[in-house]
Protein backbone atom coordinates (compact mmCIF):
# COMPACT_ATOMS: atom_id res chain seq x y z
CA UNK A 1 -21.99 76.85 -18.55
CA UNK A 2 -22.42 75.93 -14.98
CA UNK A 3 -19.16 76.88 -13.23
CA UNK A 4 -19.59 74.00 -10.83
CA UNK A 5 -19.52 71.43 -13.65
CA UNK A 6 -16.55 69.10 -13.49
CA UNK A 7 -16.75 68.39 -17.20
CA UNK A 8 -14.97 71.56 -18.20
CA UNK A 9 -13.24 71.98 -21.57
CA UNK A 10 -9.68 73.14 -21.86
CA UNK A 11 -10.86 76.63 -22.71
CA UNK A 12 -12.46 77.15 -19.32
CA UNK A 13 -10.74 80.16 -17.78
CA UNK A 14 -11.18 78.92 -14.21
CA UNK A 15 -9.74 75.40 -14.36
CA UNK A 16 -7.91 72.82 -16.34
CA UNK A 17 -9.54 70.07 -18.33
CA UNK A 18 -10.89 67.01 -16.44
CA UNK A 19 -8.41 64.14 -16.30
CA UNK A 20 -9.66 60.87 -17.79
CA UNK A 21 -8.42 59.04 -14.68
CA UNK A 22 -11.54 60.29 -12.87
CA UNK A 23 -13.90 58.75 -15.42
CA UNK A 24 -15.38 55.95 -13.28
CA UNK A 25 -18.71 55.58 -11.44
CA UNK A 26 -19.21 57.34 -8.17
CA UNK A 27 -18.55 55.01 -5.21
CA UNK A 28 -16.04 52.80 -7.03
CA UNK A 29 -12.53 52.78 -5.59
CA UNK A 30 -9.67 52.69 -8.00
CA UNK A 31 -5.97 52.90 -7.20
CA UNK A 32 -3.50 54.73 -9.42
CA UNK A 33 0.24 54.46 -9.65
CA UNK A 34 2.18 57.20 -7.89
CA UNK A 35 4.75 57.55 -10.67
CA UNK A 36 2.18 58.00 -13.39
CA UNK A 37 -1.21 59.23 -12.14
CA UNK A 38 -2.82 58.46 -15.48
CA UNK A 39 -1.77 54.77 -15.42
CA UNK A 40 -4.06 52.32 -13.58
CA UNK A 41 -2.66 49.64 -11.31
CA UNK A 42 -3.65 46.11 -12.38
CA UNK A 43 -5.42 45.06 -9.16
CA UNK A 44 -6.18 41.56 -10.47
CA UNK A 45 -2.49 40.85 -11.01
CA UNK A 46 -1.64 42.40 -7.64
CA UNK A 47 -4.23 40.21 -5.85
CA UNK A 48 -3.06 37.05 -7.61
CA UNK A 49 0.52 37.74 -6.57
CA UNK A 50 -0.66 38.30 -2.98
CA UNK A 51 -2.60 35.05 -3.00
CA UNK A 52 0.39 33.15 -4.34
CA UNK A 53 2.63 34.61 -1.66
CA UNK A 54 0.14 33.78 1.10
CA UNK A 55 -0.37 30.28 -0.31
CA UNK A 56 3.38 29.73 -0.27
CA UNK A 57 3.62 30.72 3.39
CA UNK A 58 0.60 28.62 4.36
CA UNK A 59 1.93 25.69 2.34
CA UNK A 60 5.27 25.87 4.07
CA UNK A 61 3.58 26.02 7.44
CA UNK A 62 1.22 23.18 6.57
CA UNK A 63 4.13 21.10 5.33
CA UNK A 64 5.89 21.58 8.61
CA UNK A 65 2.68 20.78 10.49
CA UNK A 66 2.08 17.62 8.47
CA UNK A 67 5.68 16.57 8.92
CA UNK A 68 5.41 17.14 12.64
CA UNK A 69 2.13 15.25 12.77
CA UNK A 70 3.60 12.26 10.91
CA UNK A 71 6.52 12.28 13.28
CA UNK A 72 4.07 12.26 16.18
CA UNK A 73 1.91 9.38 14.92
CA UNK A 74 4.99 7.36 13.92
CA UNK A 75 7.32 7.68 16.90
CA UNK A 76 10.75 6.07 16.82
CA UNK A 77 10.57 2.35 17.49
CA UNK A 78 11.49 1.44 21.07
CA UNK A 79 13.19 -1.89 21.58
CA UNK A 80 16.45 -3.78 21.77
CA UNK A 81 18.65 -5.50 19.22
CA UNK A 82 19.22 -8.79 21.05
CA UNK A 83 18.02 -10.82 24.02
CA UNK A 84 19.65 -9.76 27.30
CA UNK A 85 21.15 -12.20 29.78
CA UNK A 86 18.96 -11.54 32.78
CA UNK A 87 19.39 -12.89 36.30
CA UNK A 88 16.05 -13.90 37.82
CA UNK A 89 15.34 -12.78 41.36
CA UNK A 90 12.97 -14.33 43.87
CA UNK A 91 10.05 -12.34 45.29
CA UNK A 92 12.28 -11.20 48.17
CA UNK A 93 14.88 -9.79 45.79
CA UNK A 94 17.48 -12.49 46.32
CA UNK A 95 18.98 -14.50 43.46
CA UNK A 96 16.59 -17.16 42.21
CA UNK A 97 18.26 -20.55 42.33
CA UNK A 98 17.26 -24.08 41.39
CA UNK A 99 17.27 -24.99 45.07
CA UNK A 100 14.84 -22.19 45.96
CA UNK A 101 12.46 -22.98 43.10
CA UNK A 102 12.39 -26.69 43.91
CA UNK A 103 11.76 -26.00 47.60
CA UNK A 104 9.24 -23.18 47.19
CA UNK A 105 7.21 -24.11 44.08
CA UNK A 106 5.81 -27.29 42.53
CA UNK A 107 3.06 -28.48 40.21
CA UNK A 108 0.40 -27.69 42.83
CA UNK A 109 1.44 -24.05 43.36
CA UNK A 110 -1.74 -22.04 42.84
CA UNK A 111 -0.34 -18.48 42.93
CA UNK A 112 1.21 -17.01 39.83
CA UNK A 113 4.90 -16.12 39.82
CA UNK A 114 5.67 -13.73 37.00
CA UNK A 115 8.79 -12.01 35.70
CA UNK A 116 9.22 -9.61 32.81
CA UNK A 117 11.55 -10.57 29.95
CA UNK A 118 13.04 -9.52 27.57
CA UNK A 119 11.07 -6.26 27.66
CA UNK A 120 9.46 -4.55 30.61
CA UNK A 121 5.93 -5.12 29.24
CA UNK A 122 6.35 -8.84 28.46
CA UNK A 123 5.39 -10.92 31.54
CA UNK A 124 6.20 -14.63 31.81
CA UNK A 125 5.18 -17.53 34.06
CA UNK A 126 7.84 -19.30 36.08
CA UNK A 127 6.69 -22.88 36.74
CA UNK A 128 8.10 -25.87 38.54
CA UNK A 129 6.13 -28.88 37.30
CA UNK A 130 7.69 -31.41 39.66
CA UNK A 131 5.20 -33.46 41.74
CA UNK A 132 4.45 -32.31 45.26
CA UNK A 133 6.16 -35.31 46.86
CA UNK A 134 9.21 -35.10 44.59
CA UNK A 135 8.69 -38.64 43.32
CA UNK A 136 8.41 -39.90 39.77
CA UNK A 137 5.40 -38.33 37.95
CA UNK A 138 2.56 -40.65 37.01
CA UNK A 139 -1.18 -40.39 36.32
CA UNK A 140 -1.76 -40.90 40.03
CA UNK A 141 1.07 -38.51 40.98
CA UNK A 142 0.54 -35.41 38.80
CA UNK A 143 3.58 -33.56 37.61
CA UNK A 144 6.22 -33.61 34.89
CA UNK A 145 9.96 -34.20 34.61
CA UNK A 146 12.28 -33.70 31.66
CA UNK A 147 10.06 -31.02 30.14
CA UNK A 148 11.39 -29.56 26.86
CA UNK A 149 13.50 -26.57 27.81
CA UNK A 150 13.27 -27.39 31.50
CA UNK A 151 16.10 -26.89 33.99
CA UNK A 152 16.71 -28.12 37.50
CA UNK A 153 17.31 -31.51 39.06
CA UNK A 154 14.71 -33.21 36.88
CA UNK A 155 14.24 -30.63 34.11
CA UNK A 156 10.92 -29.47 35.56
CA UNK A 157 11.46 -25.68 35.75
CA UNK A 158 10.14 -23.81 32.72
CA UNK A 159 8.96 -20.34 31.73
CA UNK A 160 6.32 -19.28 29.21
CA UNK A 161 4.85 -15.98 28.06
CA UNK A 162 1.96 -14.78 30.23
CA UNK A 163 0.23 -13.08 27.30
CA UNK A 164 -2.39 -15.16 25.49
CA UNK A 165 -1.68 -15.80 21.81
CA UNK A 166 -5.32 -15.26 20.85
CA UNK A 167 -6.08 -11.60 21.58
CA UNK A 168 -3.32 -10.77 24.02
CA UNK A 169 -5.04 -11.16 27.39
CA UNK A 170 -2.28 -10.94 30.01
CA UNK A 171 -1.95 -12.62 33.39
CA UNK A 172 -3.80 -13.00 35.67
CA UNK A 173 -6.62 -13.46 33.09
CA UNK A 174 -4.39 -16.11 31.55
CA UNK A 175 -3.10 -18.30 34.36
CA UNK A 176 -1.52 -21.58 35.33
CA UNK A 177 -4.13 -24.08 36.55
CA UNK A 178 -2.66 -26.66 38.95
CA UNK A 179 -4.22 -30.15 39.29
CA UNK A 180 -7.78 -30.04 40.59
CA UNK A 181 -8.51 -26.44 39.58
CA UNK A 182 -11.10 -27.52 36.99
CA UNK A 183 -12.58 -30.95 36.23
CA UNK A 184 -11.36 -30.76 32.64
CA UNK A 185 -8.26 -32.78 31.67
CA UNK A 186 -6.32 -33.00 28.39
CA UNK A 187 -4.14 -35.59 26.70
CA UNK A 188 -0.44 -34.72 26.70
CA UNK A 189 2.65 -36.59 25.51
CA UNK A 190 3.20 -37.91 29.04
CA UNK A 191 -0.33 -38.20 30.41
CA UNK A 192 -3.60 -39.04 28.61
CA UNK A 193 -5.53 -37.12 31.27
CA UNK A 194 -3.29 -34.29 32.36
CA UNK A 195 -5.09 -32.12 34.95
CA UNK A 196 -2.71 -29.12 34.84
CA UNK A 197 -2.20 -26.53 32.08
CA UNK A 198 -2.21 -22.82 31.28
CA UNK A 199 -5.70 -21.53 30.53
CA UNK A 200 -7.01 -18.13 29.42
CA UNK A 201 -10.34 -17.08 30.93
CA UNK A 202 -10.91 -14.44 28.21
CA UNK A 203 -11.88 -16.83 25.39
CA UNK A 204 -10.94 -20.33 26.54
CA UNK A 205 -7.53 -20.98 24.96
CA UNK A 206 -5.52 -23.67 26.75
CA UNK A 207 -1.82 -24.58 26.55
CA UNK A 208 0.22 -27.68 27.42
CA UNK A 209 2.88 -26.72 29.98
CA UNK A 210 4.67 -30.07 29.50
CA UNK A 211 5.22 -29.61 25.76
CA UNK A 212 6.37 -26.12 24.82
CA UNK A 213 3.00 -24.54 25.68
CA UNK A 214 1.42 -26.13 22.61
CA UNK A 215 -2.26 -25.48 22.04
CA UNK A 216 -4.74 -27.83 23.70
CA UNK A 217 -7.85 -25.79 22.86
CA UNK A 218 -8.49 -22.73 20.71
CA UNK A 219 -9.27 -20.13 19.66
CA UNK A 220 -5.52 -19.47 19.89
CA UNK A 221 -3.59 -21.31 17.18
CA UNK A 222 -0.03 -20.47 18.24
CA UNK A 223 1.81 -21.75 21.31
CA UNK A 224 3.01 -19.41 24.02
CA UNK A 225 6.59 -18.19 23.51
CA UNK A 226 8.97 -20.11 25.77
CA UNK A 227 11.86 -18.50 27.61
CA UNK A 228 15.28 -20.17 27.52
CA UNK A 229 16.37 -20.72 31.12
CA UNK A 230 19.94 -21.52 32.12
CA UNK A 231 21.00 -22.78 35.55
CA UNK A 232 24.56 -22.04 36.62
CA UNK A 233 26.22 -25.39 37.47
CA UNK A 234 28.10 -23.87 40.41
CA UNK A 235 25.67 -21.45 42.05
CA UNK A 236 22.36 -22.75 40.72
CA UNK A 237 21.41 -19.19 39.74
CA UNK A 238 18.75 -19.12 37.03
CA UNK A 239 19.07 -16.69 34.14
CA UNK A 240 16.89 -15.97 31.12
CA UNK A 241 18.84 -15.81 27.87
CA UNK A 242 16.28 -15.70 25.05
CA UNK A 243 13.32 -17.46 23.45
CA UNK A 244 13.36 -21.04 22.18
CA UNK A 245 13.84 -21.31 18.39
CA UNK A 246 10.24 -22.39 17.74
CA UNK A 247 8.70 -19.59 19.80
CA UNK A 248 6.35 -17.24 17.96
CA UNK A 249 6.38 -13.48 18.53
CA UNK A 250 4.82 -12.29 21.77
CA UNK A 251 1.23 -11.31 21.04
CA UNK A 252 0.79 -7.57 20.51
CA UNK A 253 4.39 -7.03 19.38
CA UNK A 254 5.60 -6.80 15.80
CA UNK A 255 8.81 -8.28 17.15
CA UNK A 256 9.42 -9.81 20.59
CA UNK A 257 12.35 -7.39 21.00
CA UNK A 258 10.36 -4.28 20.08
CA UNK A 259 7.64 -2.43 21.95
CA UNK A 260 9.30 -1.31 25.19
CA UNK A 261 12.64 -1.03 26.97
CA UNK A 262 14.82 -3.92 28.09
CA UNK A 263 14.39 -5.36 31.58
CA UNK A 264 18.15 -5.15 31.96
CA UNK A 265 20.39 -7.51 33.85
CA UNK A 266 17.86 -8.66 36.45
CA UNK A 267 14.13 -9.32 36.70
CA UNK A 268 12.29 -10.03 39.94
CA UNK A 269 9.39 -12.43 40.43
CA UNK A 270 6.04 -10.91 41.35
CA UNK A 271 3.29 -12.90 43.00
CA UNK A 272 -0.30 -12.59 41.70
CA UNK A 273 -3.60 -14.36 42.26
CA UNK A 274 -5.02 -16.00 39.12
CA UNK A 275 -8.43 -15.37 37.59
CA UNK A 276 -9.97 -18.84 37.40
CA UNK A 277 -12.77 -19.62 34.93
CA UNK A 278 -13.37 -23.23 33.87
CA UNK A 279 -14.40 -22.35 30.33
CA UNK A 280 -12.54 -24.04 27.50
CA UNK A 281 -12.52 -23.23 23.81
CA UNK A 282 -12.59 -25.52 20.80
CA UNK A 283 -9.96 -28.25 20.56
CA UNK A 284 -7.04 -27.11 18.41
């Protein structure tokens, strides 16, 4: 017998019998248990247990990642629970009073005067629709008194959202058009050919400033939200206290009170130049 043969019987004088644990093809790796060299380790079971353990760790990590991602894409809602009482300030920072508005602004004022309310990203127009000469409005003397929601000597001071109710174009794309801005006129409750209105140059929506910013032309189908203004009987200071009951939600907000932080106790007028385009949509 070849003494180098590994397949040696028990009777071989120079070595013990070959252990059956070595009976596997050359080149194949097989692990054996340390406690019992003749007992194979079940590698399939070992690998399955490893995979389950790794899957558990990955799953826990993925769960945390998904939870974090959902928290990121759904941030806490920013907003307020009620309308603030906000003192309006003139462009110079002083308190805005009825006297100042009636002396500084009228139906022919071409610049835009905007203030944010109730949230910082919700601009509004401040308008005084009284005629230039202060006399009774008429078709030949454009202007309006006793406007719904108006304050002041003749109820001519009003405020409306400066965000279009169609697709949310903000001022100055949506703007107040004083008499003579465009040749187009519209029938209103007080004038069959009113030459002043709020108009959006984005898609042609037009609103009646003498009647709660109701629609004059589409494509918008909702009026502009109207701000409730209050004039102090002693000082004449003008404050904003909310929206009129029939006001819709400000465009782009799920709720007029949600979508940004409160303006706080005061809001200052800012002057802007309007974007004027005499293009009008379909009649509403």
